[in-house]
Every structure is written in structure tokens, then in C-alpha cells.
Amino acid sequence: MRYTHIFTLDNGETSCSLISTELKNADFVKNSQQVAIKDFGDAKNIKFCSLPKGWDGGWHNSPVKQFVVGVSGTIQITCSDNSQVTVSKGNVVLLEDLTGKGHHTEVTSNESWNGVLVEI
């Protein structure tokens, strides 16, 4: 599986990179076949989020280390180094730019963006 990682560089700029993570077979469901899993540890909080059509969050840092999972609609996240990530249905982003210049988020679809935020 793949996800985009947004992070802060040593010089304070934010950037992103596409990460391919390896899944490993594990016993997950009792009395069933093994399933392929990548364990990121315990979640601290899970939120559903809805951003209205036209929403512009300006430049900001992520308040917490969190995964963002797109459910519907589209947002564009721009890092301070001008790299960009589009988050639509099924896309996953790990936000870890807790310091530095942050990122800019805006809804680019003609509908609200809905997603799940998982703090880790």
C-alpha cells in the first residue's frame, strides 16, 4: 500500500514524498486465515471531518501527527516547497509537519470534502 508523507525539513520547509509500505501476514481474525497488515501502533483519536465546497484553510501546521483518509470530494494540499498532494476518495496522507512553514489546504472539488482523521 502507498501513502503520501508530509513532513518538515531541517530548514523549516515542508515537503512530501510517496511511501510504499510493506504489509506482512499476521493473525488478525481469530480462527481465520492470516491477513496482510502494516501496524502503525495505537490510534489516539479518530475524527470524521467535512470541509465545505470552496473551503480554504490557508497556511498552517498539522496540530497532531495524523493520517488523513479521503472519503469523498477532493482537497489539494500544497507544501512550502511547492510540492502538492491531491486527496480524494481512497487517498491516504500522513501529516507530520508539526513545526516549520506548514502546508496550505483547500477544497478543489465542486462538493464538500469528507475524510477520516486518525491521530497516532
N, C-alpha and C. Protein backbone atom coordinates (compact mmCIF):
# COMPACT_ATOMS: atom_id res chain seq x y z
N MET A 1 0.84 -1.18 0.00
CA MET A 1 0.00 0.00 0.00
C MET A 1 0.88 1.23 0.00
N ARG A 2 0.30 2.33 -0.48
CA ARG A 2 1.06 3.58 -0.55
C ARG A 2 0.29 4.70 0.15
N TYR A 3 1.07 5.63 0.68
CA TYR A 3 0.50 6.84 1.24
C TYR A 3 1.50 7.97 1.02
N THR A 4 1.02 9.20 1.11
CA THR A 4 1.89 10.36 0.98
C THR A 4 2.23 10.87 2.37
N HIS A 5 3.52 11.16 2.59
CA HIS A 5 4.01 11.65 3.87
C HIS A 5 4.35 13.13 3.72
N ILE A 6 3.74 13.98 4.53
CA ILE A 6 4.06 15.41 4.56
C ILE A 6 4.83 15.67 5.85
N PHE A 7 6.00 16.29 5.72
CA PHE A 7 6.93 16.42 6.84
C PHE A 7 7.69 17.73 6.75
N THR A 8 8.37 18.09 7.85
CA THR A 8 9.17 19.31 7.92
C THR A 8 10.64 18.98 7.72
N LEU A 9 11.30 19.70 6.84
CA LEU A 9 12.73 19.55 6.61
C LEU A 9 13.52 20.31 7.68
N ASP A 10 14.80 20.06 7.78
CA ASP A 10 15.65 20.73 8.77
C ASP A 10 15.64 22.25 8.63
N ASN A 11 15.42 22.77 7.41
CA ASN A 11 15.42 24.21 7.18
C ASN A 11 14.05 24.86 7.40
N GLY A 12 13.06 24.07 7.89
CA GLY A 12 11.73 24.61 8.17
C GLY A 12 10.74 24.50 7.04
N GLU A 13 11.22 24.19 5.83
CA GLU A 13 10.31 23.98 4.70
C GLU A 13 9.56 22.67 4.90
N THR A 14 8.37 22.60 4.32
CA THR A 14 7.63 21.34 4.32
C THR A 14 7.69 20.72 2.94
N SER A 15 7.65 19.41 2.90
CA SER A 15 7.71 18.68 1.64
C SER A 15 6.88 17.42 1.78
N CYS A 16 6.79 16.67 0.68
CA CYS A 16 6.05 15.42 0.72
C CYS A 16 6.77 14.36 -0.10
N SER A 17 6.51 13.12 0.24
CA SER A 17 7.05 12.00 -0.54
C SER A 17 6.05 10.86 -0.50
N LEU A 18 6.04 10.09 -1.58
CA LEU A 18 5.17 8.93 -1.68
C LEU A 18 5.89 7.75 -1.04
N ILE A 19 5.24 7.10 -0.11
CA ILE A 19 5.80 5.99 0.64
C ILE A 19 5.08 4.70 0.25
N SER A 20 5.83 3.69 -0.09
CA SER A 20 5.27 2.35 -0.28
C SER A 20 5.60 1.55 0.97
N THR A 21 4.58 1.08 1.64
CA THR A 21 4.80 0.35 2.88
C THR A 21 4.56 -1.14 2.66
N GLU A 22 5.37 -1.93 3.31
CA GLU A 22 5.28 -3.38 3.16
C GLU A 22 4.27 -3.94 4.17
N LEU A 23 3.37 -4.75 3.66
CA LEU A 23 2.41 -5.43 4.52
C LEU A 23 2.96 -6.81 4.84
N LYS A 24 2.73 -7.27 6.06
CA LYS A 24 3.20 -8.59 6.47
C LYS A 24 2.02 -9.42 6.95
N ASN A 25 2.03 -10.69 6.61
CA ASN A 25 0.97 -11.59 7.04
C ASN A 25 0.97 -11.73 8.54
N ALA A 26 -0.22 -11.67 9.13
CA ALA A 26 -0.36 -11.76 10.58
C ALA A 26 -1.69 -12.40 10.92
N ASP A 27 -1.75 -12.99 12.12
CA ASP A 27 -3.02 -13.50 12.64
C ASP A 27 -3.78 -12.30 13.18
N PHE A 28 -4.89 -11.98 12.55
CA PHE A 28 -5.66 -10.80 12.91
C PHE A 28 -7.08 -11.17 13.32
N VAL A 29 -7.70 -12.06 12.56
CA VAL A 29 -9.06 -12.52 12.84
C VAL A 29 -8.96 -13.92 13.43
N LYS A 30 -9.50 -14.08 14.63
CA LYS A 30 -9.41 -15.36 15.32
C LYS A 30 -10.03 -16.48 14.47
N ASN A 31 -9.34 -17.61 14.40
CA ASN A 31 -9.80 -18.80 13.67
C ASN A 31 -10.02 -18.52 12.19
N SER A 32 -9.16 -17.68 11.61
CA SER A 32 -9.27 -17.35 10.18
C SER A 32 -7.88 -17.34 9.57
N GLN A 33 -7.85 -17.18 8.26
CA GLN A 33 -6.57 -17.08 7.56
C GLN A 33 -5.83 -15.81 7.98
N GLN A 34 -4.53 -15.82 7.80
CA GLN A 34 -3.75 -14.62 8.06
C GLN A 34 -4.14 -13.54 7.04
N VAL A 35 -3.93 -12.30 7.44
CA VAL A 35 -4.17 -11.15 6.56
C VAL A 35 -2.92 -10.30 6.50
N ALA A 36 -2.74 -9.56 5.42
CA ALA A 36 -1.58 -8.69 5.26
C ALA A 36 -1.84 -7.37 5.97
N ILE A 37 -0.93 -7.00 6.88
CA ILE A 37 -1.13 -5.83 7.73
C ILE A 37 0.18 -5.06 7.91
N LYS A 38 0.07 -3.75 8.03
CA LYS A 38 1.15 -2.88 8.50
C LYS A 38 0.61 -2.19 9.74
N ASP A 39 1.23 -2.42 10.88
CA ASP A 39 0.77 -1.87 12.15
C ASP A 39 1.54 -0.58 12.45
N PHE A 40 0.83 0.53 12.55
CA PHE A 40 1.43 1.82 12.88
C PHE A 40 1.32 2.14 14.36
N GLY A 41 0.79 1.22 15.15
CA GLY A 41 0.63 1.45 16.58
C GLY A 41 -0.78 1.91 16.91
N ASP A 42 -0.98 2.27 18.15
CA ASP A 42 -2.30 2.65 18.63
C ASP A 42 -2.71 4.03 18.11
N ALA A 43 -3.99 4.15 17.79
CA ALA A 43 -4.56 5.45 17.44
C ALA A 43 -4.94 6.16 18.73
N LYS A 44 -4.68 7.47 18.79
CA LYS A 44 -5.04 8.27 19.96
C LYS A 44 -6.44 8.85 19.85
N ASN A 45 -6.85 9.12 18.60
CA ASN A 45 -8.15 9.75 18.38
C ASN A 45 -8.56 9.52 16.92
N ILE A 46 -9.85 9.40 16.69
CA ILE A 46 -10.37 9.27 15.33
C ILE A 46 -11.49 10.29 15.16
N LYS A 47 -11.42 11.05 14.07
CA LYS A 47 -12.43 12.08 13.81
C LYS A 47 -12.95 11.94 12.38
N PHE A 48 -14.21 12.22 12.18
CA PHE A 48 -14.76 12.42 10.84
C PHE A 48 -14.68 13.92 10.58
N CYS A 49 -14.35 14.30 9.36
CA CYS A 49 -14.17 15.71 9.03
C CYS A 49 -14.90 16.03 7.73
N SER A 50 -15.58 17.16 7.68
CA SER A 50 -16.23 17.61 6.46
C SER A 50 -15.85 19.08 6.21
N LEU A 51 -15.25 19.33 5.07
CA LEU A 51 -14.87 20.69 4.67
C LEU A 51 -15.78 21.12 3.53
N PRO A 52 -16.46 22.25 3.65
CA PRO A 52 -17.42 22.65 2.62
C PRO A 52 -16.75 23.03 1.30
N LYS A 53 -17.49 22.92 0.23
CA LYS A 53 -17.05 23.37 -1.10
C LYS A 53 -16.48 24.79 -0.97
N GLY A 54 -15.29 25.00 -1.55
CA GLY A 54 -14.67 26.33 -1.53
C GLY A 54 -13.84 26.63 -0.28
N TRP A 55 -13.82 25.72 0.68
CA TRP A 55 -13.08 25.95 1.93
C TRP A 55 -11.60 26.14 1.64
N ASP A 56 -10.99 27.13 2.30
CA ASP A 56 -9.56 27.41 2.17
C ASP A 56 -8.98 27.57 3.56
N GLY A 57 -8.12 26.62 3.96
CA GLY A 57 -7.57 26.62 5.30
C GLY A 57 -6.34 27.48 5.48
N GLY A 58 -5.86 28.08 4.39
CA GLY A 58 -4.65 28.89 4.48
C GLY A 58 -3.45 28.05 4.88
N TRP A 59 -2.36 28.73 5.23
CA TRP A 59 -1.13 28.05 5.65
C TRP A 59 -1.22 27.72 7.12
N HIS A 60 -0.92 26.48 7.46
CA HIS A 60 -0.98 26.03 8.85
C HIS A 60 -0.17 24.75 9.02
N ASN A 61 0.16 24.44 10.25
CA ASN A 61 0.80 23.17 10.57
C ASN A 61 -0.27 22.18 10.99
N SER A 62 0.04 20.91 10.86
CA SER A 62 -0.86 19.90 11.39
C SER A 62 -0.83 20.01 12.92
N PRO A 63 -1.99 20.00 13.57
CA PRO A 63 -2.00 20.13 15.02
C PRO A 63 -1.45 18.89 15.74
N VAL A 64 -1.53 17.74 15.07
CA VAL A 64 -1.07 16.47 15.63
C VAL A 64 -0.56 15.60 14.49
N LYS A 65 0.23 14.58 14.82
CA LYS A 65 0.62 13.59 13.82
C LYS A 65 -0.61 12.76 13.51
N GLN A 66 -1.02 12.76 12.24
CA GLN A 66 -2.27 12.10 11.90
C GLN A 66 -2.30 11.61 10.46
N PHE A 67 -3.04 10.53 10.27
CA PHE A 67 -3.37 10.07 8.93
C PHE A 67 -4.66 10.76 8.50
N VAL A 68 -4.73 11.13 7.24
CA VAL A 68 -5.92 11.69 6.63
C VAL A 68 -6.33 10.73 5.52
N VAL A 69 -7.58 10.26 5.57
CA VAL A 69 -8.09 9.32 4.59
C VAL A 69 -9.26 9.97 3.87
N GLY A 70 -9.14 10.15 2.56
CA GLY A 70 -10.22 10.75 1.79
C GLY A 70 -11.39 9.80 1.62
N VAL A 71 -12.61 10.33 1.82
CA VAL A 71 -13.83 9.54 1.65
C VAL A 71 -14.61 10.01 0.43
N SER A 72 -14.75 11.33 0.26
CA SER A 72 -15.42 11.89 -0.92
C SER A 72 -14.95 13.32 -1.11
N GLY A 73 -15.14 13.83 -2.32
CA GLY A 73 -14.67 15.17 -2.64
C GLY A 73 -13.16 15.17 -2.84
N THR A 74 -12.60 16.36 -3.05
CA THR A 74 -11.16 16.49 -3.29
C THR A 74 -10.60 17.71 -2.59
N ILE A 75 -9.44 17.53 -1.93
CA ILE A 75 -8.68 18.66 -1.41
C ILE A 75 -7.30 18.64 -2.05
N GLN A 76 -6.70 19.82 -2.12
CA GLN A 76 -5.32 19.98 -2.60
C GLN A 76 -4.51 20.47 -1.42
N ILE A 77 -3.43 19.76 -1.10
CA ILE A 77 -2.51 20.18 -0.04
C ILE A 77 -1.21 20.60 -0.71
N THR A 78 -0.79 21.84 -0.46
CA THR A 78 0.45 22.37 -1.02
C THR A 78 1.45 22.57 0.10
N CYS A 79 2.65 22.01 -0.07
CA CYS A 79 3.73 22.17 0.90
C CYS A 79 4.50 23.45 0.59
N SER A 80 5.30 23.92 1.54
CA SER A 80 6.03 25.17 1.34
C SER A 80 7.09 25.07 0.24
N ASP A 81 7.51 23.84 -0.12
CA ASP A 81 8.45 23.68 -1.24
C ASP A 81 7.72 23.57 -2.57
N ASN A 82 6.41 23.87 -2.58
CA ASN A 82 5.52 23.84 -3.75
C ASN A 82 5.15 22.45 -4.22
N SER A 83 5.55 21.40 -3.52
CA SER A 83 5.04 20.07 -3.85
C SER A 83 3.58 20.00 -3.44
N GLN A 84 2.80 19.20 -4.16
CA GLN A 84 1.36 19.14 -3.92
C GLN A 84 0.87 17.71 -3.83
N VAL A 85 -0.21 17.55 -3.07
CA VAL A 85 -0.87 16.26 -2.91
C VAL A 85 -2.36 16.47 -3.11
N THR A 86 -2.98 15.63 -3.91
CA THR A 86 -4.42 15.63 -4.09
C THR A 86 -4.99 14.50 -3.24
N VAL A 87 -5.98 14.83 -2.41
CA VAL A 87 -6.59 13.83 -1.55
C VAL A 87 -8.05 13.68 -1.93
N SER A 88 -8.36 12.56 -2.58
CA SER A 88 -9.71 12.21 -2.98
C SER A 88 -10.08 10.89 -2.32
N LYS A 89 -11.20 10.33 -2.71
CA LYS A 89 -11.67 9.06 -2.17
C LYS A 89 -10.58 8.00 -2.25
N GLY A 90 -10.24 7.44 -1.08
CA GLY A 90 -9.27 6.35 -1.02
C GLY A 90 -7.83 6.77 -0.86
N ASN A 91 -7.51 8.06 -1.00
CA ASN A 91 -6.14 8.52 -0.82
C ASN A 91 -5.81 8.64 0.67
N VAL A 92 -4.56 8.35 1.02
CA VAL A 92 -4.11 8.41 2.41
C VAL A 92 -2.88 9.30 2.50
N VAL A 93 -2.88 10.20 3.49
CA VAL A 93 -1.76 11.11 3.73
C VAL A 93 -1.40 11.04 5.20
N LEU A 94 -0.10 11.00 5.50
CA LEU A 94 0.37 11.12 6.87
C LEU A 94 0.89 12.53 7.06
N LEU A 95 0.20 13.32 7.90
CA LEU A 95 0.62 14.69 8.19
C LEU A 95 1.51 14.68 9.42
N GLU A 96 2.74 15.15 9.22
CA GLU A 96 3.71 15.17 10.31
C GLU A 96 4.50 16.48 10.31
N ASP A 97 3.90 17.52 9.73
CA ASP A 97 4.55 18.84 9.70
C ASP A 97 4.07 19.66 10.91
N LEU A 98 4.49 19.25 12.08
CA LEU A 98 4.04 19.89 13.33
C LEU A 98 4.74 21.21 13.58
N THR A 99 5.86 21.44 12.90
CA THR A 99 6.63 22.68 13.02
C THR A 99 6.95 23.17 11.62
N GLY A 100 7.64 24.29 11.52
CA GLY A 100 8.06 24.81 10.23
C GLY A 100 6.97 25.63 9.56
N LYS A 101 7.07 25.74 8.23
CA LYS A 101 6.18 26.62 7.47
C LYS A 101 4.80 26.06 7.23
N GLY A 102 4.63 24.75 7.43
CA GLY A 102 3.30 24.16 7.30
C GLY A 102 2.89 23.91 5.86
N HIS A 103 1.59 23.74 5.69
CA HIS A 103 1.02 23.43 4.38
C HIS A 103 -0.26 24.24 4.19
N HIS A 104 -0.71 24.31 2.96
CA HIS A 104 -1.94 25.02 2.60
C HIS A 104 -2.94 24.00 2.08
N THR A 105 -4.15 24.02 2.63
CA THR A 105 -5.18 23.07 2.24
C THR A 105 -6.39 23.81 1.70
N GLU A 106 -6.92 23.32 0.57
CA GLU A 106 -8.15 23.90 0.04
C GLU A 106 -8.98 22.82 -0.66
N VAL A 107 -10.30 22.98 -0.57
CA VAL A 107 -11.22 22.08 -1.27
C VAL A 107 -11.26 22.51 -2.73
N THR A 108 -10.97 21.57 -3.62
CA THR A 108 -10.92 21.88 -5.05
C THR A 108 -12.07 21.24 -5.83
N SER A 109 -12.85 20.40 -5.19
CA SER A 109 -13.98 19.76 -5.87
C SER A 109 -15.21 20.65 -5.81
N ASN A 110 -16.21 20.32 -6.61
CA ASN A 110 -17.47 21.05 -6.62
C ASN A 110 -18.43 20.51 -5.57
N GLU A 111 -17.88 19.85 -4.57
CA GLU A 111 -18.66 19.31 -3.45
C GLU A 111 -17.80 19.39 -2.20
N SER A 112 -18.41 19.16 -1.07
CA SER A 112 -17.66 19.11 0.19
C SER A 112 -16.65 17.97 0.14
N TRP A 113 -15.56 18.14 0.89
CA TRP A 113 -14.61 17.04 1.07
C TRP A 113 -14.91 16.39 2.41
N ASN A 114 -14.98 15.07 2.42
CA ASN A 114 -15.20 14.31 3.64
C ASN A 114 -14.05 13.35 3.83
N GLY A 115 -13.60 13.23 5.07
CA GLY A 115 -12.49 12.35 5.35
C GLY A 115 -12.47 11.87 6.79
N VAL A 116 -11.52 10.99 7.05
CA VAL A 116 -11.30 10.46 8.39
C VAL A 116 -9.90 10.88 8.82
N LEU A 117 -9.79 11.42 10.03
CA LEU A 117 -8.53 11.84 10.61
C LEU A 117 -8.20 10.89 11.75
N VAL A 118 -7.02 10.26 11.66
CA VAL A 118 -6.63 9.29 12.68
C VAL A 118 -5.34 9.77 13.33
N GLU A 119 -5.43 10.25 14.56
CA GLU A 119 -4.25 10.72 15.27
C GLU A 119 -3.46 9.53 15.78
N ILE A 120 -2.13 9.58 15.53
CA ILE A 120 -1.27 8.49 16.01
C ILE A 120 -0.14 9.04 16.86
